[in-house]
PDB file of all heavy atoms in Angstrom:
ATOM      1  N   GLU A   1      13.524  72.559  -1.237  1.00  0.00           N
ATOM      2  CA  GLU A   1      12.425  71.913  -1.982  1.00  0.00           C
ATOM      3  C   GLU A   1      13.060  70.914  -3.041  1.00  0.00           C
ATOM      4  O   GLU A   1      12.321  70.085  -3.616  1.00  0.00           O
ATOM      5  CB  GLU A   1      11.599  72.922  -2.714  1.00  0.00           C
ATOM      6  CG  GLU A   1      10.933  73.894  -1.708  1.00  0.00           C
ATOM      7  CD  GLU A   1       9.770  73.291  -1.004  1.00  0.00           C
ATOM      8  OE1 GLU A   1       9.079  72.397  -1.534  1.00  0.00           O
ATOM      9  OE2 GLU A   1       9.534  73.729   0.189  1.00  0.00           O
ATOM     10  N   SER A   2      14.341  71.050  -3.330  1.00  0.00           N
ATOM     11  CA  SER A   2      14.929  70.278  -4.406  1.00  0.00           C
ATOM     12  C   SER A   2      15.633  69.021  -3.976  1.00  0.00           C
ATOM     13  O   SER A   2      16.551  68.572  -4.646  1.00  0.00           O
ATOM     14  CB  SER A   2      15.876  71.200  -5.248  1.00  0.00           C
ATOM     15  OG  SER A   2      16.892  71.615  -4.415  1.00  0.00           O
ATOM     16  N   LEU A   3      15.297  68.545  -2.787  1.00  0.00           N
ATOM     17  CA  LEU A   3      16.005  67.359  -2.281  1.00  0.00           C
ATOM     18  C   LEU A   3      15.680  66.103  -3.124  1.00  0.00           C
ATOM     19  O   LEU A   3      14.632  65.883  -3.515  1.00  0.00           O
ATOM     20  CB  LEU A   3      15.583  67.048  -0.837  1.00  0.00           C
ATOM     21  CG  LEU A   3      15.997  68.099   0.234  1.00  0.00           C
ATOM     22  CD1 LEU A   3      15.444  67.705   1.599  1.00  0.00           C
ATOM     23  CD2 LEU A   3      17.498  68.202   0.334  1.00  0.00           C
ATOM     24  N   LYS A   4      16.810  65.341  -3.386  1.00  0.00           N
ATOM     25  CA  LYS A   4      16.658  64.072  -4.064  1.00  0.00           C
ATOM     26  C   LYS A   4      16.037  63.067  -3.040  1.00  0.00           C
ATOM     27  O   LYS A   4      16.100  63.296  -1.846  1.00  0.00           O
ATOM     28  CB  LYS A   4      17.965  63.558  -4.537  1.00  0.00           C
ATOM     29  CG  LYS A   4      18.602  64.502  -5.592  1.00  0.00           C
ATOM     30  CD  LYS A   4      20.044  64.050  -5.908  1.00  0.00           C
ATOM     31  CE  LYS A   4      20.680  65.038  -6.887  1.00  0.00           C
ATOM     32  NZ  LYS A   4      22.041  64.830  -7.049  1.00  0.00           N
ATOM     33  N   PRO A   5      15.426  61.977  -3.516  1.00  0.00           N
ATOM     34  CA  PRO A   5      14.867  61.026  -2.606  1.00  0.00           C
ATOM     35  C   PRO A   5      15.711  60.565  -1.443  1.00  0.00           C
ATOM     36  O   PRO A   5      15.277  60.551  -0.281  1.00  0.00           O
ATOM     37  CB  PRO A   5      14.427  59.850  -3.507  1.00  0.00           C
ATOM     38  CG  PRO A   5      14.237  60.482  -4.869  1.00  0.00           C
ATOM     39  CD  PRO A   5      15.276  61.580  -4.912  1.00  0.00           C
ATOM     40  N   HIS A   6      16.979  60.300  -1.694  1.00  0.00           N
ATOM     41  CA  HIS A   6      17.854  59.806  -0.646  1.00  0.00           C
ATOM     42  C   HIS A   6      18.177  60.923   0.307  1.00  0.00           C
ATOM     43  O   HIS A   6      18.355  60.720   1.526  1.00  0.00           O
ATOM     44  CB  HIS A   6      19.167  59.178  -1.211  1.00  0.00           C
ATOM     45  CG  HIS A   6      20.099  60.160  -1.777  1.00  0.00           C
ATOM     46  ND1 HIS A   6      19.988  60.587  -3.076  1.00  0.00           N
ATOM     47  CD2 HIS A   6      21.215  60.750  -1.281  1.00  0.00           C
ATOM     48  CE1 HIS A   6      20.986  61.405  -3.356  1.00  0.00           C
ATOM     49  NE2 HIS A   6      21.696  61.570  -2.282  1.00  0.00           N
ATOM     50  N   GLU A   7      18.259  62.174  -0.163  1.00  0.00           N
ATOM     51  CA  GLU A   7      18.487  63.336   0.734  1.00  0.00           C
ATOM     52  C   GLU A   7      17.255  63.571   1.613  1.00  0.00           C
ATOM     53  O   GLU A   7      17.383  63.946   2.772  1.00  0.00           O
ATOM     54  CB  GLU A   7      18.848  64.561  -0.124  1.00  0.00           C
ATOM     55  CG  GLU A   7      20.082  64.435  -0.899  1.00  0.00           C
ATOM     56  CD  GLU A   7      20.305  65.533  -1.889  1.00  0.00           C
ATOM     57  OE1 GLU A   7      19.268  66.062  -2.441  1.00  0.00           O
ATOM     58  OE2 GLU A   7      21.460  65.915  -2.185  1.00  0.00           O
ATOM     59  N   GLN A   8      16.039  63.329   1.063  1.00  0.00           N
ATOM     60  CA  GLN A   8      14.861  63.492   1.862  1.00  0.00           C
ATOM     61  C   GLN A   8      14.840  62.447   2.991  1.00  0.00           C
ATOM     62  O   GLN A   8      14.486  62.777   4.089  1.00  0.00           O
ATOM     63  CB  GLN A   8      13.604  63.303   0.963  1.00  0.00           C
ATOM     64  CG  GLN A   8      12.286  63.489   1.660  1.00  0.00           C
ATOM     65  CD  GLN A   8      12.068  64.990   2.083  1.00  0.00           C
ATOM     66  OE1 GLN A   8      12.423  65.898   1.345  1.00  0.00           O
ATOM     67  NE2 GLN A   8      11.600  65.149   3.330  1.00  0.00           N
ATOM     68  N   VAL A   9      15.242  61.204   2.729  1.00  0.00           N
ATOM     69  CA  VAL A   9      15.292  60.193   3.740  1.00  0.00           C
ATOM     70  C   VAL A   9      16.277  60.648   4.838  1.00  0.00           C
ATOM     71  O   VAL A   9      15.955  60.552   6.038  1.00  0.00           O
ATOM     72  CB  VAL A   9      15.757  58.819   3.094  1.00  0.00           C
ATOM     73  CG1 VAL A   9      16.092  57.789   4.256  1.00  0.00           C
ATOM     74  CG2 VAL A   9      14.640  58.283   2.183  1.00  0.00           C
ATOM     75  N   SER A  10      17.434  61.085   4.429  1.00  0.00           N
ATOM     76  CA  SER A  10      18.417  61.561   5.441  1.00  0.00           C
ATOM     77  C   SER A  10      17.905  62.709   6.284  1.00  0.00           C
ATOM     78  O   SER A  10      18.095  62.761   7.500  1.00  0.00           O
ATOM     79  CB  SER A  10      19.726  62.012   4.754  1.00  0.00           C
ATOM     80  OG  SER A  10      20.368  60.879   4.130  1.00  0.00           O
ATOM     81  N   ARG A  11      17.164  63.668   5.634  1.00  0.00           N
ATOM     82  CA  ARG A  11      16.634  64.804   6.338  1.00  0.00           C
ATOM     83  C   ARG A  11      15.611  64.357   7.368  1.00  0.00           C
ATOM     84  O   ARG A  11      15.655  64.737   8.531  1.00  0.00           O
ATOM     85  CB  ARG A  11      15.946  65.712   5.323  1.00  0.00           C
ATOM     86  CG  ARG A  11      15.254  66.915   5.951  1.00  0.00           C
ATOM     87  CD  ARG A  11      14.323  67.532   4.937  1.00  0.00           C
ATOM     88  NE  ARG A  11      13.268  68.256   5.606  1.00  0.00           N
ATOM     89  CZ  ARG A  11      12.108  67.734   6.035  1.00  0.00           C
ATOM     90  NH1 ARG A  11      11.913  66.435   5.976  1.00  0.00           N
ATOM     91  NH2 ARG A  11      11.193  68.462   6.607  1.00  0.00           N
ATOM     92  N   ASP A  12      14.732  63.391   6.960  1.00  0.00           N
ATOM     93  CA  ASP A  12      13.659  62.956   7.914  1.00  0.00           C
ATOM     94  C   ASP A  12      14.312  62.172   9.056  1.00  0.00           C
ATOM     95  O   ASP A  12      13.892  62.370  10.243  1.00  0.00           O
ATOM     96  CB  ASP A  12      12.701  62.074   7.160  1.00  0.00           C
ATOM     97  CG  ASP A  12      11.840  62.807   6.143  1.00  0.00           C
ATOM     98  OD1 ASP A  12      11.791  64.081   6.207  1.00  0.00           O
ATOM     99  OD2 ASP A  12      11.268  62.142   5.334  1.00  0.00           O
ATOM    100  N   LEU A  13      15.325  61.408   8.820  1.00  0.00           N
ATOM    101  CA  LEU A  13      15.981  60.707   9.882  1.00  0.00           C
ATOM    102  C   LEU A  13      16.734  61.623  10.810  1.00  0.00           C
ATOM    103  O   LEU A  13      16.705  61.500  11.997  1.00  0.00           O
ATOM    104  CB  LEU A  13      16.961  59.673   9.299  1.00  0.00           C
ATOM    105  CG  LEU A  13      16.332  58.458   8.590  1.00  0.00           C
ATOM    106  CD1 LEU A  13      17.366  57.685   7.793  1.00  0.00           C
ATOM    107  CD2 LEU A  13      15.652  57.560   9.615  1.00  0.00           C
ATOM    108  N   ALA A  14      17.367  62.732  10.249  1.00  0.00           N
ATOM    109  CA  ALA A  14      18.059  63.673  11.063  1.00  0.00           C
ATOM    110  C   ALA A  14      17.075  64.410  11.994  1.00  0.00           C
ATOM    111  O   ALA A  14      17.413  64.673  13.141  1.00  0.00           O
ATOM    112  CB  ALA A  14      18.864  64.631  10.172  1.00  0.00           C
ATOM    113  N   LEU A  15      15.916  64.757  11.454  1.00  0.00           N
ATOM    114  CA  LEU A  15      14.901  65.372  12.264  1.00  0.00           C
ATOM    115  C   LEU A  15      14.500  64.499  13.456  1.00  0.00           C
ATOM    116  O   LEU A  15      14.276  64.950  14.589  1.00  0.00           O
ATOM    117  CB  LEU A  15      13.648  65.776  11.455  1.00  0.00           C
ATOM    118  CG  LEU A  15      13.951  66.995  10.509  1.00  0.00           C
ATOM    119  CD1 LEU A  15      12.738  67.076   9.536  1.00  0.00           C
ATOM    120  CD2 LEU A  15      14.097  68.272  11.262  1.00  0.00           C
ATOM    121  N   ALA A  16      14.399  63.204  13.163  1.00  0.00           N
ATOM    122  CA  ALA A  16      14.003  62.236  14.228  1.00  0.00           C
ATOM    123  C   ALA A  16      15.121  62.145  15.284  1.00  0.00           C
ATOM    124  O   ALA A  16      14.870  62.058  16.459  1.00  0.00           O
ATOM    125  CB  ALA A  16      13.708  60.859  13.632  1.00  0.00           C
ATOM    126  N   VAL A  17      16.334  62.187  14.852  1.00  0.00           N
ATOM    127  CA  VAL A  17      17.507  62.180  15.766  1.00  0.00           C
ATOM    128  C   VAL A  17      17.505  63.481  16.688  1.00  0.00           C
ATOM    129  O   VAL A  17      17.624  63.339  17.900  1.00  0.00           O
ATOM    130  CB  VAL A  17      18.850  62.114  15.047  1.00  0.00           C
ATOM    131  CG1 VAL A  17      20.026  62.262  16.070  1.00  0.00           C
ATOM    132  CG2 VAL A  17      18.941  60.725  14.354  1.00  0.00           C
ATOM    133  N   LEU A  18      17.229  64.591  16.056  1.00  0.00           N
ATOM    134  CA  LEU A  18      17.152  65.825  16.846  1.00  0.00           C
ATOM    135  C   LEU A  18      16.018  65.833  17.848  1.00  0.00           C
ATOM    136  O   LEU A  18      16.153  66.314  18.966  1.00  0.00           O
ATOM    137  CB  LEU A  18      17.052  67.062  15.913  1.00  0.00           C
ATOM    138  CG  LEU A  18      18.327  67.361  15.088  1.00  0.00           C
ATOM    139  CD1 LEU A  18      18.078  68.546  14.189  1.00  0.00           C
ATOM    140  CD2 LEU A  18      19.531  67.582  15.986  1.00  0.00           C
ATOM    141  N   ALA A  19      14.928  65.227  17.512  1.00  0.00           N
ATOM    142  CA  ALA A  19      13.794  65.111  18.450  1.00  0.00           C
ATOM    143  C   ALA A  19      14.257  64.219  19.648  1.00  0.00           C
ATOM    144  O   ALA A  19      13.973  64.559  20.786  1.00  0.00           O
ATOM    145  CB  ALA A  19      12.579  64.475  17.772  1.00  0.00           C
ATOM    146  N   ASN A  20      14.920  63.071  19.355  1.00  0.00           N
ATOM    147  CA  ASN A  20      15.414  62.205  20.408  1.00  0.00           C
ATOM    148  C   ASN A  20      16.447  62.902  21.239  1.00  0.00           C
ATOM    149  O   ASN A  20      16.470  62.857  22.467  1.00  0.00           O
ATOM    150  CB  ASN A  20      15.911  60.909  19.850  1.00  0.00           C
ATOM    151  CG  ASN A  20      16.003  59.760  20.814  1.00  0.00           C
ATOM    152  OD1 ASN A  20      15.312  59.760  21.821  1.00  0.00           O
ATOM    153  ND2 ASN A  20      16.843  58.770  20.505  1.00  0.00           N
ATOM    154  N   ASP A  21      17.338  63.657  20.534  1.00  0.00           N
ATOM    155  CA  ASP A  21      18.421  64.392  21.200  1.00  0.00           C
ATOM    156  C   ASP A  21      17.811  65.435  22.147  1.00  0.00           C
ATOM    157  O   ASP A  21      18.259  65.591  23.322  1.00  0.00           O
ATOM    158  CB  ASP A  21      19.207  65.065  20.114  1.00  0.00           C
ATOM    159  CG  ASP A  21      20.288  66.025  20.626  1.00  0.00           C
ATOM    160  OD1 ASP A  21      19.924  67.204  21.072  1.00  0.00           O
ATOM    161  OD2 ASP A  21      21.455  65.689  20.561  1.00  0.00           O
ATOM    162  N   SER A  22      16.808  66.159  21.752  1.00  0.00           N
ATOM    163  CA  SER A  22      16.191  67.163  22.552  1.00  0.00           C
ATOM    164  C   SER A  22      15.457  66.527  23.740  1.00  0.00           C
ATOM    165  O   SER A  22      15.597  67.031  24.877  1.00  0.00           O
ATOM    166  CB  SER A  22      15.123  67.918  21.734  1.00  0.00           C
ATOM    167  OG  SER A  22      14.445  68.871  22.504  1.00  0.00           O
ATOM    168  N   GLU A  23      14.773  65.419  23.559  1.00  0.00           N
ATOM    169  CA  GLU A  23      14.055  64.740  24.632  1.00  0.00           C
ATOM    170  C   GLU A  23      15.013  64.238  25.667  1.00  0.00           C
ATOM    171  O   GLU A  23      14.706  64.308  26.852  1.00  0.00           O
ATOM    172  CB  GLU A  23      13.258  63.584  24.020  1.00  0.00           C
ATOM    173  CG  GLU A  23      12.509  62.771  25.051  1.00  0.00           C
ATOM    174  CD  GLU A  23      11.776  61.570  24.419  1.00  0.00           C
ATOM    175  OE1 GLU A  23      11.247  61.740  23.276  1.00  0.00           O
ATOM    176  OE2 GLU A  23      11.828  60.504  25.020  1.00  0.00           O
ATOM    177  N   LYS A  24      16.198  63.742  25.247  1.00  0.00           N
ATOM    178  CA  LYS A  24      17.149  63.140  26.160  1.00  0.00           C
ATOM    179  C   LYS A  24      18.303  64.020  26.631  1.00  0.00           C
ATOM    180  O   LYS A  24      19.089  63.632  27.439  1.00  0.00           O
ATOM    181  CB  LYS A  24      17.619  61.811  25.623  1.00  0.00           C
ATOM    182  CG  LYS A  24      16.380  60.849  25.398  1.00  0.00           C
ATOM    183  CD  LYS A  24      16.872  59.469  25.071  1.00  0.00           C
ATOM    184  CE  LYS A  24      15.590  58.588  25.148  1.00  0.00           C
ATOM    185  NZ  LYS A  24      15.076  58.242  23.843  1.00  0.00           N
TER     186      LYS A  24
END
């Protein structure tokens, strides 16, 4: 819950990568 704004961006992008990773 204590992520800084730039860490939140990285987290959201990493989740998107994992979704693509799983799909492919």
